[in-house]
């Protein structure tokens, strides 16, 4: 194999220079560098070996100019997560749930969602009417249950994580009415369908506590958040 030592190669005519012909391979050996200070145009970049290649070094910045588009037909990872992957609105106008028990009971307010990855987080949000009976000052607390299709059901995921459920004081000399909003960011670690349900219990007092009714809406929303 012959060697050609030269400091510069210029086109013989015009301004275009061609290296090799169709089917040729031009190899730059390990340890040698190729520096381009202007523009490189190509239809494809592939790794020389294996299945991965690196663009730039730590601290480098790649800029996509205005009007240009990056299209991803595969899977993009390592971008820090936090993106909303899907939003699901669940049941509403679910009727009334009542209890005098200190143990959470299920209401009709539910939302189903199927995560796309085990690393995803699920933000669950419930809003509903609530009220108590007229007998004495009474308070209720609320929680959320999670049922994994084909798996376990956790009756109170807020209480299990925080040590106490969400509380809301109600009552007095007459019935007390109000709205409650309960949210929780869950990490279910599954791609099976999930059912989240709003739960209700009496915290203290002797009156019955109620959640929802047939005349107004319960809002039940679940968002899948990219956790990668």
Foldseek 3Di string as FASTA:
>chain_A
DDDDDDDDDADPDDHDDDDDDPPDDDDDDPPDDDDDPDDDDDDDDADPDDGDDDDDDPPDDDDDDPPDDDDDPDDDDDPQWFDWPDKWWWFKLQAKDKDAAQDKDFGRTKTKDFDPALLKKKKKKKKWKKKWAQDFWWKKFKAKWKDFVVDDIDRGPVCVVPVDTGIDTHYDNGMGMDMDMDIDIGNRRHRTMMMMTMIMYIDDDRIMMMIHHNPGIMIIMMTIITRD
